[in-house]
């Protein structure tokens, strides 16, 4: 019998029947077969969902499988954090903001820019769980800053899709 999951329990508390680790890109899910330390299951959610560290998949047999953010290549940034955070945010780059450092996914272009701005940048392998943004849980989604703004100035930034765009 194939196990199914149709819902996520946010910041769940154990006991857990297993654990799986996913990197940032892999945590944007809707329908997929997932493998955990004691088996696998078919995830079938009603909509695309960003699963965060500590969330649990509620399986059809009642068990809970906790999701942990997998270590992945990141840049640990220190220096003038407000200024550096502004430049990172201006590029709509997912970022974890901590009191003494910023953490972004490794990107050689952003690394060079940050160093040019005077930042200390160290490469590391850490779980990556960026800020969710002003519009709620999960990922924030940008909008086009191109020259052809065909929408009014009061446009909604509450979309929930992760994509990059140009600031041409």
Protein backbone atom coordinates (compact mmCIF):
# COMPACT_ATOMS: atom_id res chain seq x y z
CA UNK A 1 0.00 0.00 0.00
CA UNK A 2 1.36 3.40 -0.99
CA UNK A 3 1.39 5.96 1.78
CA UNK A 4 0.01 9.40 0.94
CA UNK A 5 0.29 12.85 2.46
CA UNK A 6 -2.30 15.54 1.81
CA UNK A 7 -1.38 18.03 4.54
CA UNK A 8 1.55 19.70 6.26
CA UNK A 9 1.68 20.39 10.00
CA UNK A 10 3.55 23.66 10.52
CA UNK A 11 6.29 23.62 13.18
CA UNK A 12 5.10 20.22 14.38
CA UNK A 13 5.97 18.60 17.68
CA UNK A 14 6.96 14.93 17.91
CA UNK A 15 6.94 12.12 18.23
CA UNK A 16 8.00 11.62 14.63
CA UNK A 17 8.14 8.32 12.76
CA UNK A 18 10.96 9.55 10.55
CA UNK A 19 12.85 12.44 9.07
CA UNK A 20 13.75 13.70 5.64
CA UNK A 21 16.16 16.44 4.62
CA UNK A 22 15.55 18.77 1.71
CA UNK A 23 17.53 21.73 0.39
CA UNK A 24 15.87 25.10 -0.21
CA UNK A 25 14.94 24.46 -3.86
CA UNK A 26 13.49 21.03 -3.04
CA UNK A 27 11.19 22.43 -0.33
CA UNK A 28 8.77 24.07 -2.76
CA UNK A 29 6.37 21.17 -3.24
CA UNK A 30 2.97 20.10 -4.47
CA UNK A 31 3.01 16.57 -5.84
CA UNK A 32 6.05 14.33 -5.53
CA UNK A 33 7.27 10.99 -4.20
CA UNK A 34 9.45 11.67 -1.16
CA UNK A 35 11.82 9.27 0.56
CA UNK A 36 12.54 9.43 4.29
CA UNK A 37 14.75 7.34 6.55
CA UNK A 38 12.12 4.57 6.94
CA UNK A 39 10.38 4.46 3.55
CA UNK A 40 8.62 6.71 1.07
CA UNK A 41 5.26 8.35 0.42
CA UNK A 42 3.40 10.26 -2.27
CA UNK A 43 2.92 13.92 -1.42
CA UNK A 44 -0.25 15.34 -2.99
CA UNK A 45 -1.04 18.84 -1.71
CA UNK A 46 -3.88 21.04 -3.00
CA UNK A 47 -1.42 23.81 -3.99
CA UNK A 48 2.29 24.51 -4.24
CA UNK A 49 3.61 24.90 -0.71
CA UNK A 50 6.91 26.00 0.79
CA UNK A 51 7.83 23.46 3.47
CA UNK A 52 10.02 24.83 6.25
CA UNK A 53 12.44 23.28 8.73
CA UNK A 54 10.40 21.65 11.51
CA UNK A 55 7.23 21.16 9.45
CA UNK A 56 5.86 17.63 9.32
CA UNK A 57 4.14 15.57 6.66
CA UNK A 58 1.01 13.88 8.03
CA UNK A 59 0.88 10.44 6.38
CA UNK A 60 -2.29 8.52 5.54
CA UNK A 61 -1.52 6.01 8.33
CA UNK A 62 -1.33 8.82 10.94
CA UNK A 63 2.45 8.97 11.26
CA UNK A 64 4.32 12.26 11.09
CA UNK A 65 7.56 12.71 9.16
CA UNK A 66 9.54 15.82 10.09
CA UNK A 67 11.34 17.84 7.41
CA UNK A 68 14.75 19.25 8.23
CA UNK A 69 16.58 21.78 6.07
CA UNK A 70 19.57 20.05 4.47
CA UNK A 71 22.99 21.69 4.54
CA UNK A 72 23.81 23.36 1.22
CA UNK A 73 26.44 25.77 -0.15
CA UNK A 74 25.85 29.25 1.30
CA UNK A 75 27.64 32.55 1.76
CA UNK A 76 27.91 33.90 5.31
CA UNK A 77 28.09 37.68 5.09
CA UNK A 78 29.27 40.08 7.80
CA UNK A 79 29.97 43.80 7.78
CA UNK A 80 27.60 46.78 7.49
CA UNK A 81 24.52 44.54 7.64
CA UNK A 82 21.79 47.14 6.95
CA UNK A 83 23.59 48.33 3.82
CA UNK A 84 24.48 44.82 2.67
CA UNK A 85 20.93 43.58 3.33
CA UNK A 86 19.59 46.43 1.20
CA UNK A 87 21.79 45.39 -1.75
CA UNK A 88 20.83 41.72 -1.35
CA UNK A 89 17.14 42.62 -1.08
CA UNK A 90 17.37 44.88 -4.11
CA UNK A 91 18.19 41.74 -6.09
CA UNK A 92 15.26 39.84 -4.57
CA UNK A 93 17.66 37.18 -3.32
CA UNK A 94 16.40 34.91 -0.52
CA UNK A 95 18.32 35.81 2.63
CA UNK A 96 18.48 34.64 6.22
CA UNK A 97 18.89 37.65 8.49
CA UNK A 98 20.54 37.10 11.85
CA UNK A 99 21.81 39.61 14.42
CA UNK A 100 25.46 39.36 13.37
CA UNK A 101 25.32 37.94 9.85
CA UNK A 102 23.37 37.44 6.64
CA UNK A 103 23.21 34.08 4.87
CA UNK A 104 22.47 33.64 1.16
CA UNK A 105 22.91 30.76 -1.25
CA UNK A 106 26.26 30.66 -3.00
CA UNK A 107 26.34 32.89 -6.05
CA UNK A 108 29.66 34.08 -7.48
CA UNK A 109 28.19 37.33 -8.85
CA UNK A 110 26.65 38.31 -5.50
CA UNK A 111 29.80 37.21 -3.69
CA UNK A 112 31.92 39.57 -5.82
CA UNK A 113 29.42 42.43 -5.35
CA UNK A 114 29.35 41.96 -1.57
CA UNK A 115 33.15 41.86 -1.33
CA UNK A 116 33.30 45.05 -3.43
CA UNK A 117 30.91 46.65 -0.92
CA UNK A 118 33.35 45.81 1.90
CA UNK A 119 31.64 42.70 3.26
CA UNK A 120 33.46 39.76 4.73
CA UNK A 121 32.12 36.72 2.88
CA UNK A 122 32.77 33.12 3.91
CA UNK A 123 31.63 30.00 2.09
CA UNK A 124 29.96 27.32 4.21
CA UNK A 125 27.62 24.34 4.04
CA UNK A 126 24.63 25.11 6.30
CA UNK A 127 20.89 24.50 6.34
CA UNK A 128 19.31 27.44 4.47
CA UNK A 129 16.02 28.86 5.74
CA UNK A 130 15.63 32.45 4.51
CA UNK A 131 13.18 35.03 5.78
CA UNK A 132 9.62 34.48 4.59
CA UNK A 133 8.82 38.09 3.85
CA UNK A 134 6.18 40.56 4.90
CA UNK A 135 3.27 38.61 3.41
CA UNK A 136 3.42 35.48 5.52
CA UNK A 137 4.95 32.05 5.75
CA UNK A 138 7.23 30.68 3.10
CA UNK A 139 8.76 32.31 0.08
CA UNK A 140 8.43 35.81 -1.20
CA UNK A 141 8.00 36.49 -4.87
CA UNK A 142 9.24 39.37 -6.88
CA UNK A 143 7.84 41.34 -9.72
CA UNK A 144 9.20 42.82 -12.92
CA UNK A 145 11.13 46.09 -12.63
CA UNK A 146 11.61 46.43 -16.37
CA UNK A 147 10.89 49.59 -18.32
CA UNK A 148 7.39 48.56 -19.35
CA UNK A 149 5.25 48.80 -16.20
CA UNK A 150 1.83 47.95 -17.59
CA UNK A 151 0.26 47.74 -14.14
CA UNK A 152 -0.67 50.50 -11.71
CA UNK A 153 1.65 51.67 -8.92
CA UNK A 154 -0.45 49.92 -6.27
CA UNK A 155 0.42 46.44 -7.51
CA UNK A 156 0.25 43.51 -5.10
CA UNK A 157 3.51 41.96 -3.90
CA UNK A 158 1.77 39.05 -2.23
CA UNK A 159 2.51 36.52 -4.97
CA UNK A 160 4.14 33.31 -3.79
CA UNK A 161 6.41 32.09 -6.60
CA UNK A 162 10.19 32.09 -6.49
CA UNK A 163 11.78 33.57 -9.60
CA UNK A 164 14.51 35.95 -10.59
CA UNK A 165 14.03 39.00 -12.75
CA UNK A 166 16.01 41.82 -14.23
CA UNK A 167 16.34 45.34 -12.91
CA UNK A 168 17.02 46.67 -16.41
